[in-house]
Amino acid sequence: MTIHLHKNDLPDNLTFSGAVAVDSETMGLNPLRDKLCLVQLCGSDGDAHLVQLDRSSYDAPNLKNLLADPAVEKIFHFARFDFAVFRQYLGVETKPIYCTKIASRLVRTYTDRHGLKELVRELIGVEMSKQQQSSDWGAAELSDSQKEYAAADVIYLHEIKSQLDQMLEREGRTGLARACFGFLPARCYLDLAGWDDVDIFSHS
């Protein structure tokens, strides 16, 4: 794996085809309060690209175009958060979406552990470190440990998706998963509008 750090935006000559794994790092877990700091991407070649954003402008046209490109599938783990953060700070609707957490919950019904660390351990046999999870992502210069942590959040997603796809097909739930992925933008807009803790589909 090679880690490439880009300031403010993706370079003009960098392209992704088919699918790209995506994640983000923020100043916290509230999209309305905590600014987006970093976007991580990984294509099929296994190289990680980290975009450290200018939080005063979020002027990143190449990144925004990629996120909105309907020809490139975006693979997330817990897409609900990243979609909302990208909408809030980059002003872009990410599409199309694949969420490994949703896929895991639909097929790994034998466990209640659906975090990325657990998926990587079970499906790939790698033990991930989460030591930098709560570090300061707004720092002007990221440490090597932060870069490695950020890259690890995307480099396994292609392989995880492949294995989850096989499980979805086996259990007859591929169509259900795709329907859930299609609904995610609406769920995220509800989050941003203040219904993040309310299940509007419940009877009560």
N, C-alpha and C. Protein backbone atom coordinates (compact mmCIF):
# COMPACT_ATOMS: atom_id res chain seq x y z
N MET A 1 0.84 -1.20 0.00
CA MET A 1 0.00 0.00 0.00
C MET A 1 0.87 1.25 0.00
N THR A 2 0.51 2.19 -0.85
CA THR A 2 1.15 3.50 -0.86
C THR A 2 0.12 4.54 -0.44
N ILE A 3 0.53 5.46 0.41
CA ILE A 3 -0.37 6.52 0.89
C ILE A 3 0.03 7.84 0.23
N HIS A 4 -0.92 8.47 -0.44
CA HIS A 4 -0.69 9.76 -1.09
C HIS A 4 -1.50 10.82 -0.34
N LEU A 5 -0.85 11.87 0.12
CA LEU A 5 -1.54 12.97 0.80
C LEU A 5 -1.68 14.14 -0.16
N HIS A 6 -2.90 14.61 -0.35
CA HIS A 6 -3.17 15.74 -1.24
C HIS A 6 -3.76 16.88 -0.41
N LYS A 7 -3.31 18.07 -0.65
CA LYS A 7 -3.82 19.24 0.05
C LYS A 7 -4.98 19.86 -0.74
N ASN A 8 -6.10 20.02 -0.09
CA ASN A 8 -7.27 20.77 -0.58
C ASN A 8 -8.14 20.04 -1.61
N ASP A 9 -7.54 19.24 -2.51
CA ASP A 9 -8.34 18.60 -3.55
C ASP A 9 -7.56 17.44 -4.16
N LEU A 10 -8.25 16.60 -4.90
CA LEU A 10 -7.57 15.56 -5.67
C LEU A 10 -6.84 16.19 -6.85
N PRO A 11 -5.72 15.63 -7.28
CA PRO A 11 -5.04 16.16 -8.47
C PRO A 11 -5.87 15.94 -9.72
N ASP A 12 -5.67 16.79 -10.72
CA ASP A 12 -6.46 16.74 -11.95
C ASP A 12 -6.31 15.42 -12.70
N ASN A 13 -5.15 14.80 -12.60
CA ASN A 13 -4.87 13.61 -13.41
C ASN A 13 -5.23 12.31 -12.71
N LEU A 14 -5.82 12.37 -11.52
CA LEU A 14 -6.18 11.16 -10.78
C LEU A 14 -7.62 10.77 -11.07
N THR A 15 -7.82 9.56 -11.56
CA THR A 15 -9.16 9.09 -11.88
C THR A 15 -9.41 7.73 -11.24
N PHE A 16 -10.66 7.44 -10.99
CA PHE A 16 -11.08 6.15 -10.46
C PHE A 16 -12.16 5.61 -11.39
N SER A 17 -12.16 4.31 -11.60
CA SER A 17 -13.18 3.71 -12.45
C SER A 17 -13.85 2.57 -11.71
N GLY A 18 -15.12 2.37 -12.00
CA GLY A 18 -15.84 1.24 -11.41
C GLY A 18 -16.32 1.51 -10.01
N ALA A 19 -15.39 1.49 -9.06
CA ALA A 19 -15.75 1.70 -7.65
C ALA A 19 -14.57 2.29 -6.91
N VAL A 20 -14.87 3.05 -5.88
CA VAL A 20 -13.84 3.63 -5.02
C VAL A 20 -14.30 3.54 -3.57
N ALA A 21 -13.41 3.11 -2.70
CA ALA A 21 -13.71 3.08 -1.27
C ALA A 21 -13.51 4.47 -0.70
N VAL A 22 -14.42 4.89 0.17
CA VAL A 22 -14.41 6.27 0.68
C VAL A 22 -14.66 6.29 2.19
N ASP A 23 -13.99 7.19 2.87
CA ASP A 23 -14.23 7.43 4.30
C ASP A 23 -13.91 8.88 4.58
N SER A 24 -14.22 9.32 5.80
CA SER A 24 -13.93 10.70 6.17
C SER A 24 -13.50 10.78 7.62
N GLU A 25 -12.79 11.84 7.94
CA GLU A 25 -12.44 12.15 9.32
C GLU A 25 -12.92 13.57 9.61
N THR A 26 -13.51 13.74 10.78
CA THR A 26 -14.11 15.01 11.16
C THR A 26 -13.64 15.41 12.55
N MET A 27 -14.09 16.58 13.00
CA MET A 27 -13.75 17.05 14.34
C MET A 27 -14.65 16.44 15.41
N GLY A 28 -15.60 15.62 15.02
CA GLY A 28 -16.51 14.98 15.96
C GLY A 28 -17.58 14.23 15.19
N LEU A 29 -18.64 13.84 15.88
CA LEU A 29 -19.66 12.99 15.26
C LEU A 29 -20.97 13.71 15.00
N ASN A 30 -20.98 15.04 15.10
CA ASN A 30 -22.18 15.82 14.80
C ASN A 30 -21.95 16.58 13.49
N PRO A 31 -22.58 16.14 12.39
CA PRO A 31 -22.34 16.78 11.09
C PRO A 31 -22.70 18.26 11.05
N LEU A 32 -23.60 18.69 11.91
CA LEU A 32 -24.01 20.10 11.92
C LEU A 32 -23.03 20.98 12.69
N ARG A 33 -22.19 20.36 13.50
CA ARG A 33 -21.26 21.12 14.34
C ARG A 33 -19.80 20.87 14.00
N ASP A 34 -19.47 19.61 13.69
CA ASP A 34 -18.07 19.19 13.60
C ASP A 34 -17.60 19.12 12.16
N LYS A 35 -16.64 19.97 11.83
CA LYS A 35 -16.23 20.13 10.44
C LYS A 35 -15.52 18.91 9.86
N LEU A 36 -15.71 18.76 8.57
CA LEU A 36 -15.02 17.74 7.78
C LEU A 36 -13.56 18.16 7.60
N CYS A 37 -12.64 17.25 7.89
CA CYS A 37 -11.21 17.56 7.80
C CYS A 37 -10.49 16.81 6.69
N LEU A 38 -10.84 15.53 6.55
CA LEU A 38 -10.08 14.64 5.67
C LEU A 38 -11.02 13.69 4.95
N VAL A 39 -10.73 13.44 3.68
CA VAL A 39 -11.46 12.41 2.92
C VAL A 39 -10.44 11.41 2.41
N GLN A 40 -10.71 10.12 2.66
CA GLN A 40 -9.84 9.05 2.23
C GLN A 40 -10.49 8.28 1.09
N LEU A 41 -9.68 7.90 0.11
CA LEU A 41 -10.18 7.14 -1.04
C LEU A 41 -9.19 6.04 -1.39
N CYS A 42 -9.74 4.94 -1.92
CA CYS A 42 -8.88 3.85 -2.37
C CYS A 42 -9.52 3.18 -3.57
N GLY A 43 -8.80 3.12 -4.67
CA GLY A 43 -9.29 2.45 -5.87
C GLY A 43 -8.91 0.98 -5.86
N SER A 44 -9.13 0.33 -6.97
CA SER A 44 -8.85 -1.10 -7.07
C SER A 44 -7.36 -1.42 -7.02
N ASP A 45 -6.49 -0.42 -7.19
CA ASP A 45 -5.05 -0.66 -7.16
C ASP A 45 -4.51 -0.77 -5.74
N GLY A 46 -5.34 -0.46 -4.72
CA GLY A 46 -4.92 -0.60 -3.34
C GLY A 46 -4.19 0.59 -2.76
N ASP A 47 -3.93 1.63 -3.57
CA ASP A 47 -3.28 2.84 -3.05
C ASP A 47 -4.32 3.72 -2.36
N ALA A 48 -3.91 4.32 -1.26
CA ALA A 48 -4.79 5.21 -0.51
C ALA A 48 -4.47 6.66 -0.84
N HIS A 49 -5.51 7.45 -1.06
CA HIS A 49 -5.37 8.88 -1.34
C HIS A 49 -6.10 9.66 -0.25
N LEU A 50 -5.37 10.50 0.47
CA LEU A 50 -5.93 11.30 1.55
C LEU A 50 -6.01 12.75 1.11
N VAL A 51 -7.21 13.33 1.19
CA VAL A 51 -7.40 14.73 0.81
C VAL A 51 -7.61 15.54 2.08
N GLN A 52 -6.61 16.33 2.44
CA GLN A 52 -6.72 17.20 3.61
C GLN A 52 -7.33 18.51 3.15
N LEU A 53 -8.54 18.78 3.61
CA LEU A 53 -9.34 19.87 3.06
C LEU A 53 -9.05 21.22 3.70
N ASP A 54 -9.21 22.26 2.90
CA ASP A 54 -9.18 23.64 3.39
C ASP A 54 -10.54 23.93 4.02
N ARG A 55 -10.61 23.95 5.33
CA ARG A 55 -11.90 24.07 6.02
C ARG A 55 -12.49 25.47 5.97
N SER A 56 -11.75 26.42 5.40
CA SER A 56 -12.30 27.77 5.26
C SER A 56 -13.10 27.93 3.98
N SER A 57 -12.88 27.03 3.01
CA SER A 57 -13.56 27.18 1.72
C SER A 57 -14.19 25.90 1.19
N TYR A 58 -13.59 24.75 1.50
CA TYR A 58 -14.01 23.46 0.93
C TYR A 58 -14.11 23.53 -0.59
N ASP A 59 -13.13 24.22 -1.19
CA ASP A 59 -13.08 24.34 -2.64
C ASP A 59 -12.32 23.14 -3.20
N ALA A 60 -13.06 22.07 -3.50
CA ALA A 60 -12.43 20.84 -3.96
C ALA A 60 -13.23 20.27 -5.13
N PRO A 61 -13.18 20.92 -6.29
CA PRO A 61 -14.04 20.52 -7.41
C PRO A 61 -13.79 19.09 -7.91
N ASN A 62 -12.55 18.64 -7.92
CA ASN A 62 -12.27 17.29 -8.41
C ASN A 62 -12.86 16.23 -7.47
N LEU A 63 -12.71 16.46 -6.18
CA LEU A 63 -13.28 15.54 -5.20
C LEU A 63 -14.81 15.54 -5.29
N LYS A 64 -15.40 16.70 -5.39
CA LYS A 64 -16.86 16.80 -5.48
C LYS A 64 -17.39 16.11 -6.73
N ASN A 65 -16.70 16.28 -7.83
CA ASN A 65 -17.13 15.63 -9.07
C ASN A 65 -17.07 14.11 -8.95
N LEU A 66 -16.04 13.62 -8.30
CA LEU A 66 -15.92 12.17 -8.11
C LEU A 66 -17.06 11.64 -7.24
N LEU A 67 -17.33 12.32 -6.14
CA LEU A 67 -18.38 11.86 -5.22
C LEU A 67 -19.75 11.84 -5.89
N ALA A 68 -19.98 12.76 -6.81
CA ALA A 68 -21.28 12.85 -7.48
C ALA A 68 -21.35 12.06 -8.78
N ASP A 69 -20.24 11.45 -9.18
CA ASP A 69 -20.18 10.75 -10.47
C ASP A 69 -21.01 9.46 -10.41
N PRO A 70 -22.11 9.37 -11.18
CA PRO A 70 -22.96 8.17 -11.12
C PRO A 70 -22.30 6.93 -11.70
N ALA A 71 -21.18 7.08 -12.40
CA ALA A 71 -20.50 5.95 -13.01
C ALA A 71 -19.51 5.27 -12.07
N VAL A 72 -19.26 5.87 -10.91
CA VAL A 72 -18.31 5.31 -9.95
C VAL A 72 -19.03 5.01 -8.64
N GLU A 73 -19.11 3.75 -8.28
CA GLU A 73 -19.76 3.37 -7.02
C GLU A 73 -18.86 3.72 -5.85
N LYS A 74 -19.46 4.29 -4.79
CA LYS A 74 -18.71 4.65 -3.60
C LYS A 74 -18.99 3.63 -2.49
N ILE A 75 -17.92 2.98 -2.03
CA ILE A 75 -18.04 1.96 -0.99
C ILE A 75 -17.69 2.59 0.35
N PHE A 76 -18.65 2.58 1.26
CA PHE A 76 -18.46 3.14 2.59
C PHE A 76 -18.64 2.07 3.65
N HIS A 77 -18.15 2.35 4.84
CA HIS A 77 -18.60 1.64 6.02
C HIS A 77 -19.32 2.66 6.89
N PHE A 78 -20.61 2.49 7.07
CA PHE A 78 -21.52 3.44 7.70
C PHE A 78 -21.64 4.71 6.85
N ALA A 79 -22.19 4.52 5.67
CA ALA A 79 -22.37 5.61 4.70
C ALA A 79 -23.27 6.71 5.22
N ARG A 80 -24.15 6.39 6.15
CA ARG A 80 -25.09 7.38 6.68
C ARG A 80 -24.37 8.61 7.20
N PHE A 81 -23.26 8.42 7.89
CA PHE A 81 -22.52 9.56 8.44
C PHE A 81 -21.77 10.31 7.35
N ASP A 82 -21.04 9.58 6.51
CA ASP A 82 -20.22 10.25 5.49
C ASP A 82 -21.06 11.03 4.50
N PHE A 83 -22.19 10.44 4.05
CA PHE A 83 -23.07 11.14 3.11
C PHE A 83 -23.51 12.47 3.71
N ALA A 84 -23.94 12.46 4.97
CA ALA A 84 -24.41 13.68 5.62
C ALA A 84 -23.31 14.73 5.74
N VAL A 85 -22.12 14.28 6.10
CA VAL A 85 -20.99 15.20 6.24
C VAL A 85 -20.61 15.81 4.89
N PHE A 86 -20.60 15.00 3.84
CA PHE A 86 -20.27 15.51 2.51
C PHE A 86 -21.34 16.49 2.03
N ARG A 87 -22.58 16.20 2.33
CA ARG A 87 -23.66 17.11 1.94
C ARG A 87 -23.55 18.43 2.69
N GLN A 88 -23.23 18.35 3.97
CA GLN A 88 -23.17 19.53 4.80
C GLN A 88 -22.01 20.45 4.43
N TYR A 89 -20.83 19.88 4.17
CA TYR A 89 -19.63 20.71 3.98
C TYR A 89 -19.17 20.84 2.53
N LEU A 90 -19.41 19.83 1.73
CA LEU A 90 -19.01 19.90 0.32
C LEU A 90 -20.17 20.27 -0.59
N GLY A 91 -21.40 20.20 -0.05
CA GLY A 91 -22.58 20.56 -0.83
C GLY A 91 -22.85 19.60 -1.96
N VAL A 92 -22.47 18.33 -1.78
CA VAL A 92 -22.61 17.35 -2.85
C VAL A 92 -23.43 16.16 -2.37
N GLU A 93 -24.21 15.57 -3.28
CA GLU A 93 -24.94 14.34 -2.98
C GLU A 93 -24.15 13.18 -3.55
N THR A 94 -23.62 12.37 -2.66
CA THR A 94 -22.79 11.25 -3.07
C THR A 94 -23.64 10.13 -3.66
N LYS A 95 -23.24 9.64 -4.81
CA LYS A 95 -23.99 8.55 -5.46
C LYS A 95 -23.11 7.86 -6.51
N PRO A 96 -23.41 6.58 -6.79
CA PRO A 96 -24.23 5.65 -6.00
C PRO A 96 -23.46 5.16 -4.78
N ILE A 97 -24.19 4.57 -3.83
CA ILE A 97 -23.63 4.20 -2.54
C ILE A 97 -23.70 2.70 -2.30
N TYR A 98 -22.65 2.18 -1.68
CA TYR A 98 -22.66 0.83 -1.12
C TYR A 98 -22.18 0.95 0.31
N CYS A 99 -22.92 0.38 1.26
CA CYS A 99 -22.55 0.48 2.67
C CYS A 99 -22.26 -0.90 3.23
N THR A 100 -21.03 -1.15 3.65
CA THR A 100 -20.67 -2.46 4.17
C THR A 100 -21.31 -2.74 5.53
N LYS A 101 -21.61 -1.70 6.30
CA LYS A 101 -22.27 -1.93 7.60
C LYS A 101 -23.70 -2.43 7.38
N ILE A 102 -24.43 -1.84 6.45
CA ILE A 102 -25.79 -2.31 6.14
C ILE A 102 -25.74 -3.72 5.60
N ALA A 103 -24.83 -3.98 4.66
CA ALA A 103 -24.71 -5.32 4.09
C ALA A 103 -24.39 -6.34 5.18
N SER A 104 -23.50 -5.96 6.10
CA SER A 104 -23.14 -6.86 7.18
C SER A 104 -24.35 -7.18 8.06
N ARG A 105 -25.13 -6.17 8.38
CA ARG A 105 -26.29 -6.40 9.23
C ARG A 105 -27.34 -7.27 8.55
N LEU A 106 -27.38 -7.24 7.24
CA LEU A 106 -28.35 -8.05 6.52
C LEU A 106 -27.94 -9.52 6.41
N VAL A 107 -26.64 -9.80 6.46
CA VAL A 107 -26.21 -11.19 6.27
C VAL A 107 -25.46 -11.79 7.47
N ARG A 108 -24.79 -10.99 8.26
CA ARG A 108 -24.08 -11.51 9.43
C ARG A 108 -25.00 -11.47 10.64
N THR A 109 -26.14 -12.11 10.52
CA THR A 109 -27.16 -12.09 11.57
C THR A 109 -26.79 -12.97 12.76
N TYR A 110 -25.66 -13.65 12.66
CA TYR A 110 -25.17 -14.50 13.75
C TYR A 110 -24.37 -13.70 14.77
N THR A 111 -24.22 -12.38 14.56
CA THR A 111 -23.46 -11.54 15.48
C THR A 111 -24.07 -10.15 15.54
N ASP A 112 -23.78 -9.43 16.63
CA ASP A 112 -24.20 -8.04 16.71
C ASP A 112 -23.00 -7.10 16.57
N ARG A 113 -21.89 -7.63 16.10
CA ARG A 113 -20.66 -6.86 15.94
C ARG A 113 -20.44 -6.56 14.46
N HIS A 114 -20.76 -5.32 14.07
CA HIS A 114 -20.71 -4.95 12.66
C HIS A 114 -19.76 -3.77 12.40
N GLY A 115 -18.87 -3.49 13.33
CA GLY A 115 -17.88 -2.46 13.11
C GLY A 115 -16.85 -2.87 12.07
N LEU A 116 -16.16 -1.89 11.51
CA LEU A 116 -15.16 -2.18 10.48
C LEU A 116 -14.07 -3.10 11.02
N LYS A 117 -13.65 -2.86 12.24
CA LYS A 117 -12.59 -3.68 12.83
C LYS A 117 -13.00 -5.14 12.88
N GLU A 118 -14.27 -5.41 13.24
CA GLU A 118 -14.75 -6.78 13.31
C GLU A 118 -14.85 -7.42 11.92
N LEU A 119 -15.31 -6.62 10.94
CA LEU A 119 -15.41 -7.14 9.57
C LEU A 119 -14.04 -7.49 9.01
N VAL A 120 -13.06 -6.62 9.23
CA VAL A 120 -11.71 -6.87 8.73
C VAL A 120 -11.12 -8.11 9.39
N ARG A 121 -11.37 -8.25 10.69
CA ARG A 121 -10.85 -9.42 11.41
C ARG A 121 -11.46 -10.72 10.88
N GLU A 122 -12.79 -10.75 10.74
CA GLU A 122 -13.45 -11.99 10.34
C GLU A 122 -13.27 -12.32 8.86
N LEU A 123 -13.47 -11.32 8.00
CA LEU A 123 -13.49 -11.59 6.57
C LEU A 123 -12.12 -11.58 5.91
N ILE A 124 -11.17 -10.85 6.50
CA ILE A 124 -9.85 -10.72 5.87
C ILE A 124 -8.74 -11.31 6.73
N GLY A 125 -8.99 -11.42 8.03
CA GLY A 125 -7.98 -11.99 8.91
C GLY A 125 -6.90 -11.02 9.32
N VAL A 126 -7.24 -9.73 9.36
CA VAL A 126 -6.28 -8.69 9.74
C VAL A 126 -6.80 -7.99 10.99
N GLU A 127 -5.90 -7.72 11.91
CA GLU A 127 -6.26 -7.01 13.14
C GLU A 127 -5.96 -5.52 12.95
N MET A 128 -7.01 -4.70 12.96
CA MET A 128 -6.84 -3.25 12.76
C MET A 128 -6.57 -2.55 14.08
N SER A 129 -5.78 -1.48 14.02
CA SER A 129 -5.56 -0.63 15.18
C SER A 129 -6.49 0.58 15.09
N LYS A 130 -7.15 0.89 16.21
CA LYS A 130 -8.03 2.06 16.27
C LYS A 130 -7.46 3.13 17.19
N GLN A 131 -6.14 3.12 17.37
CA GLN A 131 -5.49 4.01 18.32
C GLN A 131 -5.67 5.49 17.99
N GLN A 132 -5.74 5.82 16.67
CA GLN A 132 -5.82 7.23 16.26
C GLN A 132 -7.26 7.69 16.03
N GLN A 133 -8.24 6.88 16.40
CA GLN A 133 -9.64 7.20 16.10
C GLN A 133 -10.07 8.55 16.67
N SER A 134 -9.58 8.88 17.85
CA SER A 134 -10.01 10.11 18.51
C SER A 134 -8.95 11.21 18.47
N SER A 135 -8.06 11.16 17.52
CA SER A 135 -7.01 12.17 17.44
C SER A 135 -7.52 13.45 16.77
N ASP A 136 -6.70 14.48 16.77
CA ASP A 136 -7.07 15.80 16.24
C ASP A 136 -6.88 15.81 14.72
N TRP A 137 -7.99 15.65 13.99
CA TRP A 137 -7.92 15.63 12.54
C TRP A 137 -7.88 17.02 11.93
N GLY A 138 -8.03 18.04 12.77
CA GLY A 138 -7.95 19.41 12.28
C GLY A 138 -6.53 19.98 12.32
N ALA A 139 -5.57 19.18 12.75
CA ALA A 139 -4.18 19.64 12.82
C ALA A 139 -3.66 20.03 11.44
N ALA A 140 -2.80 21.03 11.41
CA ALA A 140 -2.25 21.50 10.13
C ALA A 140 -1.44 20.41 9.44
N GLU A 141 -0.71 19.63 10.22
CA GLU A 141 0.10 18.53 9.66
C GLU A 141 -0.31 17.24 10.35
N LEU A 142 -0.65 16.23 9.57
CA LEU A 142 -1.03 14.94 10.11
C LEU A 142 0.20 14.09 10.38
N SER A 143 0.17 13.34 11.47
CA SER A 143 1.28 12.46 11.80
C SER A 143 1.24 11.22 10.91
N ASP A 144 2.35 10.51 10.86
CA ASP A 144 2.39 9.27 10.09
C ASP A 144 1.37 8.27 10.63
N SER A 145 1.17 8.25 11.94
CA SER A 145 0.20 7.33 12.54
C SER A 145 -1.21 7.68 12.10
N GLN A 146 -1.52 8.97 12.02
CA GLN A 146 -2.84 9.39 11.55
C GLN A 146 -3.05 8.99 10.10
N LYS A 147 -2.04 9.18 9.27
CA LYS A 147 -2.16 8.83 7.85
C LYS A 147 -2.39 7.33 7.69
N GLU A 148 -1.65 6.53 8.44
CA GLU A 148 -1.80 5.08 8.35
C GLU A 148 -3.17 4.64 8.83
N TYR A 149 -3.64 5.24 9.91
CA TYR A 149 -4.98 4.92 10.41
C TYR A 149 -6.05 5.27 9.38
N ALA A 150 -5.95 6.48 8.82
CA ALA A 150 -6.94 6.94 7.84
C ALA A 150 -6.94 6.03 6.61
N ALA A 151 -5.77 5.63 6.14
CA ALA A 151 -5.68 4.75 4.98
C ALA A 151 -6.29 3.39 5.26
N ALA A 152 -6.08 2.88 6.48
CA ALA A 152 -6.59 1.56 6.83
C ALA A 152 -8.11 1.50 6.77
N ASP A 153 -8.77 2.64 6.92
CA ASP A 153 -10.23 2.67 6.89
C ASP A 153 -10.81 2.46 5.49
N VAL A 154 -9.97 2.54 4.47
CA VAL A 154 -10.48 2.35 3.10
C VAL A 154 -9.83 1.21 2.33
N ILE A 155 -8.64 0.79 2.70
CA ILE A 155 -7.92 -0.16 1.85
C ILE A 155 -8.54 -1.56 1.87
N TYR A 156 -9.35 -1.87 2.87
CA TYR A 156 -9.95 -3.21 2.94
C TYR A 156 -11.38 -3.25 2.39
N LEU A 157 -11.96 -2.12 2.09
CA LEU A 157 -13.39 -2.08 1.77
C LEU A 157 -13.75 -2.81 0.48
N HIS A 158 -12.89 -2.77 -0.52
CA HIS A 158 -13.18 -3.49 -1.76
C HIS A 158 -13.32 -4.99 -1.50
N GLU A 159 -12.38 -5.55 -0.75
CA GLU A 159 -12.41 -6.99 -0.47
C GLU A 159 -13.60 -7.35 0.42
N ILE A 160 -13.88 -6.49 1.40
CA ILE A 160 -15.04 -6.74 2.28
C ILE A 160 -16.32 -6.73 1.46
N LYS A 161 -16.46 -5.76 0.56
CA LYS A 161 -17.65 -5.70 -0.30
C LYS A 161 -17.78 -6.98 -1.11
N SER A 162 -16.70 -7.47 -1.67
CA SER A 162 -16.74 -8.67 -2.49
C SER A 162 -17.27 -9.86 -1.68
N GLN A 163 -16.79 -10.00 -0.46
CA GLN A 163 -17.24 -11.12 0.36
C GLN A 163 -18.68 -10.95 0.82
N LEU A 164 -19.06 -9.72 1.17
CA LEU A 164 -20.44 -9.48 1.58
C LEU A 164 -21.41 -9.68 0.41
N ASP A 165 -20.98 -9.32 -0.79
CA ASP A 165 -21.82 -9.54 -1.97
C ASP A 165 -22.12 -11.03 -2.14
N GLN A 166 -21.13 -11.87 -1.93
CA GLN A 166 -21.34 -13.31 -2.04
C GLN A 166 -22.34 -13.80 -0.99
N MET A 167 -22.24 -13.25 0.21
CA MET A 167 -23.15 -13.64 1.28
C MET A 167 -24.57 -13.13 1.01
N LEU A 168 -24.68 -11.92 0.49
CA LEU A 168 -25.99 -11.39 0.14
C LEU A 168 -26.66 -12.23 -0.93
N GLU A 169 -25.89 -12.62 -1.93
CA GLU A 169 -26.42 -13.47 -2.99
C GLU A 169 -26.85 -14.82 -2.44
N ARG A 170 -26.03 -15.38 -1.58
CA ARG A 170 -26.32 -16.69 -1.00
C ARG A 170 -27.62 -16.67 -0.18
N GLU A 171 -27.83 -15.57 0.55
CA GLU A 171 -29.01 -15.47 1.41
C GLU A 171 -30.21 -14.85 0.72
N GLY A 172 -30.08 -14.52 -0.56
CA GLY A 172 -31.19 -13.95 -1.31
C GLY A 172 -31.56 -12.55 -0.88
N ARG A 173 -30.58 -11.75 -0.48
CA ARG A 173 -30.86 -10.42 0.05
C ARG A 173 -30.16 -9.30 -0.73
N THR A 174 -29.68 -9.60 -1.91
CA THR A 174 -29.01 -8.57 -2.72
C THR A 174 -29.97 -7.44 -3.05
N GLY A 175 -31.16 -7.75 -3.49
CA GLY A 175 -32.13 -6.72 -3.83
C GLY A 175 -32.51 -5.88 -2.63
N LEU A 176 -32.65 -6.51 -1.47
CA LEU A 176 -32.98 -5.78 -0.25
C LEU A 176 -31.85 -4.82 0.12
N ALA A 177 -30.62 -5.28 -0.03
CA ALA A 177 -29.47 -4.41 0.26
C ALA A 177 -29.45 -3.20 -0.66
N ARG A 178 -29.68 -3.43 -1.95
CA ARG A 178 -29.67 -2.33 -2.91
C ARG A 178 -30.79 -1.32 -2.60
N ALA A 179 -31.94 -1.83 -2.16
CA ALA A 179 -33.03 -0.93 -1.79
C ALA A 179 -32.64 -0.09 -0.58
N CYS A 180 -31.94 -0.69 0.38
CA CYS A 180 -31.48 0.06 1.55
C CYS A 180 -30.47 1.13 1.15
N PHE A 181 -29.54 0.77 0.25
CA PHE A 181 -28.55 1.76 -0.21
C PHE A 181 -29.25 2.92 -0.92
N GLY A 182 -30.29 2.61 -1.68
CA GLY A 182 -31.02 3.66 -2.40
C GLY A 182 -31.77 4.60 -1.47
N PHE A 183 -32.18 4.09 -0.30
CA PHE A 183 -32.91 4.91 0.66
C PHE A 183 -31.99 5.78 1.51
N LEU A 184 -30.71 5.45 1.56
CA LEU A 184 -29.79 6.16 2.44
C LEU A 184 -29.80 7.68 2.30
N PRO A 185 -29.81 8.24 1.09
CA PRO A 185 -29.85 9.71 1.01
C PRO A 185 -31.03 10.32 1.75
N ALA A 186 -32.21 9.71 1.64
CA ALA A 186 -33.38 10.23 2.36
C ALA A 186 -33.16 10.15 3.86
N ARG A 187 -32.57 9.05 4.33
CA ARG A 187 -32.28 8.90 5.76
C ARG A 187 -31.30 9.99 6.22
N CYS A 188 -30.33 10.30 5.39
CA CYS A 188 -29.33 11.32 5.75
C CYS A 188 -29.93 12.71 5.76
N TYR A 189 -30.83 13.00 4.82
CA TYR A 189 -31.49 14.30 4.82
C TYR A 189 -32.37 14.45 6.06
N LEU A 190 -32.98 13.36 6.52
CA LEU A 190 -33.72 13.41 7.78
C LEU A 190 -32.78 13.73 8.94
N ASP A 191 -31.60 13.12 8.95
CA ASP A 191 -30.61 13.42 9.98
C ASP A 191 -30.27 14.90 10.01
N LEU A 192 -29.97 15.45 8.85
CA LEU A 192 -29.55 16.86 8.77
C LEU A 192 -30.69 17.81 9.10
N ALA A 193 -31.94 17.35 8.93
CA ALA A 193 -33.10 18.19 9.21
C ALA A 193 -33.58 18.07 10.66
N GLY A 194 -32.89 17.22 11.44
CA GLY A 194 -33.23 17.16 12.86
C GLY A 194 -33.94 15.91 13.31
N TRP A 195 -34.15 14.96 12.42
CA TRP A 195 -34.82 13.71 12.79
C TRP A 195 -33.83 12.56 12.95
N ASP A 196 -32.62 12.87 13.40
CA ASP A 196 -31.58 11.84 13.51
C ASP A 196 -31.89 10.81 14.58
N ASP A 197 -32.59 11.20 15.66
CA ASP A 197 -32.89 10.27 16.75
C ASP A 197 -34.34 9.84 16.75
N VAL A 198 -35.08 10.13 15.69
CA VAL A 198 -36.51 9.81 15.63
C VAL A 198 -36.77 8.81 14.50
N ASP A 199 -37.48 7.73 14.83
CA ASP A 199 -37.89 6.75 13.82
C ASP A 199 -39.27 7.13 13.34
N ILE A 200 -39.35 7.83 12.22
CA ILE A 200 -40.65 8.30 11.74
C ILE A 200 -41.51 7.17 11.20
N PHE A 201 -40.93 5.97 11.09
CA PHE A 201 -41.69 4.83 10.59
C PHE A 201 -42.32 4.01 11.73
N SER A 202 -41.98 4.34 12.98
CA SER A 202 -42.54 3.58 14.09
C SER A 202 -43.98 3.94 14.34
N HIS A 203 -44.72 3.06 14.99
CA HIS A 203 -46.15 3.27 15.25
C HIS A 203 -46.38 4.32 16.31
N SER A 204 -45.52 4.35 17.31
CA SER A 204 -45.70 5.29 18.43
C SER A 204 -45.10 6.66 18.12
